[in-house]
């Protein structure tokens, strides 16, 4: 299966950011595509990059002093505890990455794979009801 092409609007969003935020966003983008080559990217909510496959996987949102990586699955396991925001949120959690911080790339890749697996199984809402 061929990989989906990059969305030029996502490129534009990333290029508009300071260099340190660009680096974070590019790495997250690469990792989500490594999780599954069928991941597609788009812009939702006017300018926010989203990555999808049978449902939302994650979205990026740069803030003044950090980048939010929203994870659209509240039940995907996070054994390395990389998610640092929104633990009580019913639909999404987030990883806030500040300048100078590193991302546990293996843990993030595994998290993306878990979200994709849940999406392919009908989505976290369906899975949560069956538990």
C-alpha atoms as a PDB file:
ATOM      1  CA  UNK A   1       0.000   0.000   0.000  1.00  0.00           C
ATOM      2  CA  UNK A   2       1.327   3.400  -0.962  1.00  0.00           C
ATOM      3  CA  UNK A   3       1.797   6.160   1.561  1.00  0.00           C
ATOM      4  CA  UNK A   4      -0.544   9.109   1.355  1.00  0.00           C
ATOM      5  CA  UNK A   5       1.008  12.360   0.162  1.00  0.00           C
ATOM      6  CA  UNK A   6       1.680  15.238   2.493  1.00  0.00           C
ATOM      7  CA  UNK A   7      -1.001  17.924   2.638  1.00  0.00           C
ATOM      8  CA  UNK A   8       0.584  21.242   1.572  1.00  0.00           C
ATOM      9  CA  UNK A   9      -1.644  23.054   4.096  1.00  0.00           C
ATOM     10  CA  UNK A  10       0.060  21.080   6.874  1.00  0.00           C
ATOM     11  CA  UNK A  11       3.416  22.106   5.398  1.00  0.00           C
ATOM     12  CA  UNK A  12       2.271  25.747   5.479  1.00  0.00           C
ATOM     13  CA  UNK A  13       1.135  25.463   9.107  1.00  0.00           C
ATOM     14  CA  UNK A  14       4.461  23.982  10.188  1.00  0.00           C
ATOM     15  CA  UNK A  15       6.500  26.543   8.202  1.00  0.00           C
ATOM     16  CA  UNK A  16       4.659  29.376   9.989  1.00  0.00           C
ATOM     17  CA  UNK A  17       6.032  28.287  13.386  1.00  0.00           C
ATOM     18  CA  UNK A  18       9.286  29.107  15.192  1.00  0.00           C
ATOM     19  CA  UNK A  19      12.124  26.678  14.358  1.00  0.00           C
ATOM     20  CA  UNK A  20      11.875  24.711  17.628  1.00  0.00           C
ATOM     21  CA  UNK A  21       8.121  24.124  17.124  1.00  0.00           C
ATOM     22  CA  UNK A  22       8.688  23.186  13.484  1.00  0.00           C
ATOM     23  CA  UNK A  23      11.119  20.484  14.596  1.00  0.00           C
ATOM     24  CA  UNK A  24       8.615  19.002  17.064  1.00  0.00           C
ATOM     25  CA  UNK A  25       5.753  19.072  14.550  1.00  0.00           C
ATOM     26  CA  UNK A  26       7.866  17.497  11.804  1.00  0.00           C
ATOM     27  CA  UNK A  27       8.960  14.680  14.106  1.00  0.00           C
ATOM     28  CA  UNK A  28       5.404  13.969  15.271  1.00  0.00           C
ATOM     29  CA  UNK A  29       4.248  14.028  11.646  1.00  0.00           C
ATOM     30  CA  UNK A  30       6.940  11.531  10.673  1.00  0.00           C
ATOM     31  CA  UNK A  31       6.108   9.227  13.582  1.00  0.00           C
ATOM     32  CA  UNK A  32       2.360   9.142  12.880  1.00  0.00           C
ATOM     33  CA  UNK A  33       3.082   8.201   9.256  1.00  0.00           C
ATOM     34  CA  UNK A  34       5.568   5.548  10.442  1.00  0.00           C
ATOM     35  CA  UNK A  35       2.793   4.078  12.599  1.00  0.00           C
ATOM     36  CA  UNK A  36       0.865   3.281   9.416  1.00  0.00           C
ATOM     37  CA  UNK A  37       1.558   4.395   5.839  1.00  0.00           C
ATOM     38  CA  UNK A  38      -2.184   4.783   5.222  1.00  0.00           C
ATOM     39  CA  UNK A  39      -2.461   7.721   7.642  1.00  0.00           C
ATOM     40  CA  UNK A  40      -3.861  10.798   5.926  1.00  0.00           C
ATOM     41  CA  UNK A  41      -3.408  14.386   6.934  1.00  0.00           C
ATOM     42  CA  UNK A  42      -5.738  17.316   6.603  1.00  0.00           C
ATOM     43  CA  UNK A  43      -6.631  20.656   8.135  1.00  0.00           C
ATOM     44  CA  UNK A  44      -9.633  20.944  10.439  1.00  0.00           C
ATOM     45  CA  UNK A  45     -10.883  23.815  12.593  1.00  0.00           C
ATOM     46  CA  UNK A  46      -9.617  26.308   9.999  1.00  0.00           C
ATOM     47  CA  UNK A  47      -5.864  25.700  10.382  1.00  0.00           C
ATOM     48  CA  UNK A  48      -5.116  22.789  12.721  1.00  0.00           C
ATOM     49  CA  UNK A  49      -3.267  19.761  11.263  1.00  0.00           C
ATOM     50  CA  UNK A  50      -5.063  16.450  11.883  1.00  0.00           C
ATOM     51  CA  UNK A  51      -3.843  12.947  11.136  1.00  0.00           C
ATOM     52  CA  UNK A  52      -6.518  10.342  10.488  1.00  0.00           C
ATOM     53  CA  UNK A  53      -7.078   6.690   9.639  1.00  0.00           C
ATOM     54  CA  UNK A  54     -10.569   5.299  10.197  1.00  0.00           C
ATOM     55  CA  UNK A  55     -11.003   8.236  12.605  1.00  0.00           C
ATOM     56  CA  UNK A  56      -8.856  10.892  14.213  1.00  0.00           C
ATOM     57  CA  UNK A  57      -5.459   9.820  15.521  1.00  0.00           C
ATOM     58  CA  UNK A  58      -3.919  13.098  16.598  1.00  0.00           C
ATOM     59  CA  UNK A  59      -3.757  16.818  15.925  1.00  0.00           C
ATOM     60  CA  UNK A  60      -1.101  19.476  16.347  1.00  0.00           C
ATOM     61  CA  UNK A  61      -1.561  22.891  17.880  1.00  0.00           C
ATOM     62  CA  UNK A  62       1.331  25.219  18.580  1.00  0.00           C
ATOM     63  CA  UNK A  63       0.912  27.502  21.579  1.00  0.00           C
ATOM     64  CA  UNK A  64       3.200  30.302  22.700  1.00  0.00           C
ATOM     65  CA  UNK A  65       5.499  28.139  24.807  1.00  0.00           C
ATOM     66  CA  UNK A  66       4.709  24.561  23.764  1.00  0.00           C
ATOM     67  CA  UNK A  67       3.254  22.281  21.090  1.00  0.00           C
ATOM     68  CA  UNK A  68       0.134  20.287  21.902  1.00  0.00           C
ATOM     69  CA  UNK A  69      -0.141  16.838  20.391  1.00  0.00           C
ATOM     70  CA  UNK A  70      -3.783  15.923  20.931  1.00  0.00           C
ATOM     71  CA  UNK A  71      -4.373  12.173  21.091  1.00  0.00           C
ATOM     72  CA  UNK A  72      -7.950  11.364  20.047  1.00  0.00           C
ATOM     73  CA  UNK A  73      -8.400   8.185  22.023  1.00  0.00           C
ATOM     74  CA  UNK A  74      -8.856   8.237  25.810  1.00  0.00           C
ATOM     75  CA  UNK A  75      -8.410   4.452  26.182  1.00  0.00           C
ATOM     76  CA  UNK A  76      -5.209   3.784  24.215  1.00  0.00           C
ATOM     77  CA  UNK A  77      -2.572   2.587  26.677  1.00  0.00           C
ATOM     78  CA  UNK A  78       0.214   4.945  27.713  1.00  0.00           C
ATOM     79  CA  UNK A  79       2.578   2.719  29.717  1.00  0.00           C
ATOM     80  CA  UNK A  80       5.477   5.199  29.444  1.00  0.00           C
ATOM     81  CA  UNK A  81       3.215   8.021  30.710  1.00  0.00           C
ATOM     82  CA  UNK A  82       4.066  10.430  27.909  1.00  0.00           C
ATOM     83  CA  UNK A  83       0.576  11.946  27.994  1.00  0.00           C
ATOM     84  CA  UNK A  84       0.786  14.887  30.373  1.00  0.00           C
ATOM     85  CA  UNK A  85      -2.544  16.692  29.902  1.00  0.00           C
ATOM     86  CA  UNK A  86      -6.238  15.839  29.819  1.00  0.00           C
ATOM     87  CA  UNK A  87      -6.264  12.552  31.730  1.00  0.00           C
ATOM     88  CA  UNK A  88      -9.857  13.230  32.790  1.00  0.00           C
ATOM     89  CA  UNK A  89     -10.997  14.269  29.313  1.00  0.00           C
ATOM     90  CA  UNK A  90     -13.667  12.030  27.847  1.00  0.00           C
ATOM     91  CA  UNK A  91     -12.484  12.166  24.214  1.00  0.00           C
ATOM     92  CA  UNK A  92      -8.863  13.266  23.964  1.00  0.00           C
ATOM     93  CA  UNK A  93      -5.686  13.644  25.936  1.00  0.00           C
ATOM     94  CA  UNK A  94      -2.593  15.670  25.067  1.00  0.00           C
ATOM     95  CA  UNK A  95       1.154  15.680  25.152  1.00  0.00           C
ATOM     96  CA  UNK A  96       2.576  19.138  25.691  1.00  0.00           C
ATOM     97  CA  UNK A  97       6.130  19.479  24.443  1.00  0.00           C
ATOM     98  CA  UNK A  98       8.095  22.570  25.446  1.00  0.00           C
ATOM     99  CA  UNK A  99      11.220  24.008  23.876  1.00  0.00           C
ATOM    100  CA  UNK A 100      14.236  21.891  24.737  1.00  0.00           C
ATOM    101  CA  UNK A 101      12.181  18.842  25.757  1.00  0.00           C
ATOM    102  CA  UNK A 102      12.524  15.569  23.913  1.00  0.00           C
ATOM    103  CA  UNK A 103       9.768  13.177  22.909  1.00  0.00           C
ATOM    104  CA  UNK A 104       9.935   9.487  23.797  1.00  0.00           C
ATOM    105  CA  UNK A 105       9.638   8.537  20.146  1.00  0.00           C
ATOM    106  CA  UNK A 106       9.169   4.798  20.665  1.00  0.00           C
ATOM    107  CA  UNK A 107       6.396   5.424  23.204  1.00  0.00           C
ATOM    108  CA  UNK A 108       4.683   7.931  20.886  1.00  0.00           C
ATOM    109  CA  UNK A 109       4.927   5.545  17.927  1.00  0.00           C
ATOM    110  CA  UNK A 110       3.393   2.765  20.035  1.00  0.00           C
ATOM    111  CA  UNK A 111       0.640   5.116  21.193  1.00  0.00           C
ATOM    112  CA  UNK A 112      -0.173   6.030  17.579  1.00  0.00           C
ATOM    113  CA  UNK A 113      -0.274   2.331  16.657  1.00  0.00           C
ATOM    114  CA  UNK A 114      -2.686   1.656  19.537  1.00  0.00           C
ATOM    115  CA  UNK A 115      -4.999   4.492  18.465  1.00  0.00           C
ATOM    116  CA  UNK A 116      -4.958   3.221  14.871  1.00  0.00           C
ATOM    117  CA  UNK A 117      -5.739  -0.330  16.034  1.00  0.00           C
ATOM    118  CA  UNK A 118      -8.668   0.987  18.086  1.00  0.00           C
ATOM    119  CA  UNK A 119      -9.902   3.037  15.116  1.00  0.00           C
ATOM    120  CA  UNK A 120      -9.751  -0.024  12.862  1.00  0.00           C
ATOM    121  CA  UNK A 121     -11.701  -2.026  15.458  1.00  0.00           C
ATOM    122  CA  UNK A 122     -14.562   0.467  15.247  1.00  0.00           C
ATOM    123  CA  UNK A 123     -13.208   3.272  17.403  1.00  0.00           C
ATOM    124  CA  UNK A 124     -12.587   3.757  21.096  1.00  0.00           C
ATOM    125  CA  UNK A 125     -16.264   4.550  21.813  1.00  0.00           C
ATOM    126  CA  UNK A 126     -17.344   1.145  20.489  1.00  0.00           C
ATOM    127  CA  UNK A 127     -14.497  -0.610  22.296  1.00  0.00           C
ATOM    128  CA  UNK A 128     -15.264   1.164  25.544  1.00  0.00           C
ATOM    129  CA  UNK A 129     -18.920   0.058  25.398  1.00  0.00           C
ATOM    130  CA  UNK A 130     -17.885  -3.567  24.915  1.00  0.00           C
ATOM    131  CA  UNK A 131     -15.678  -3.594  28.000  1.00  0.00           C
END
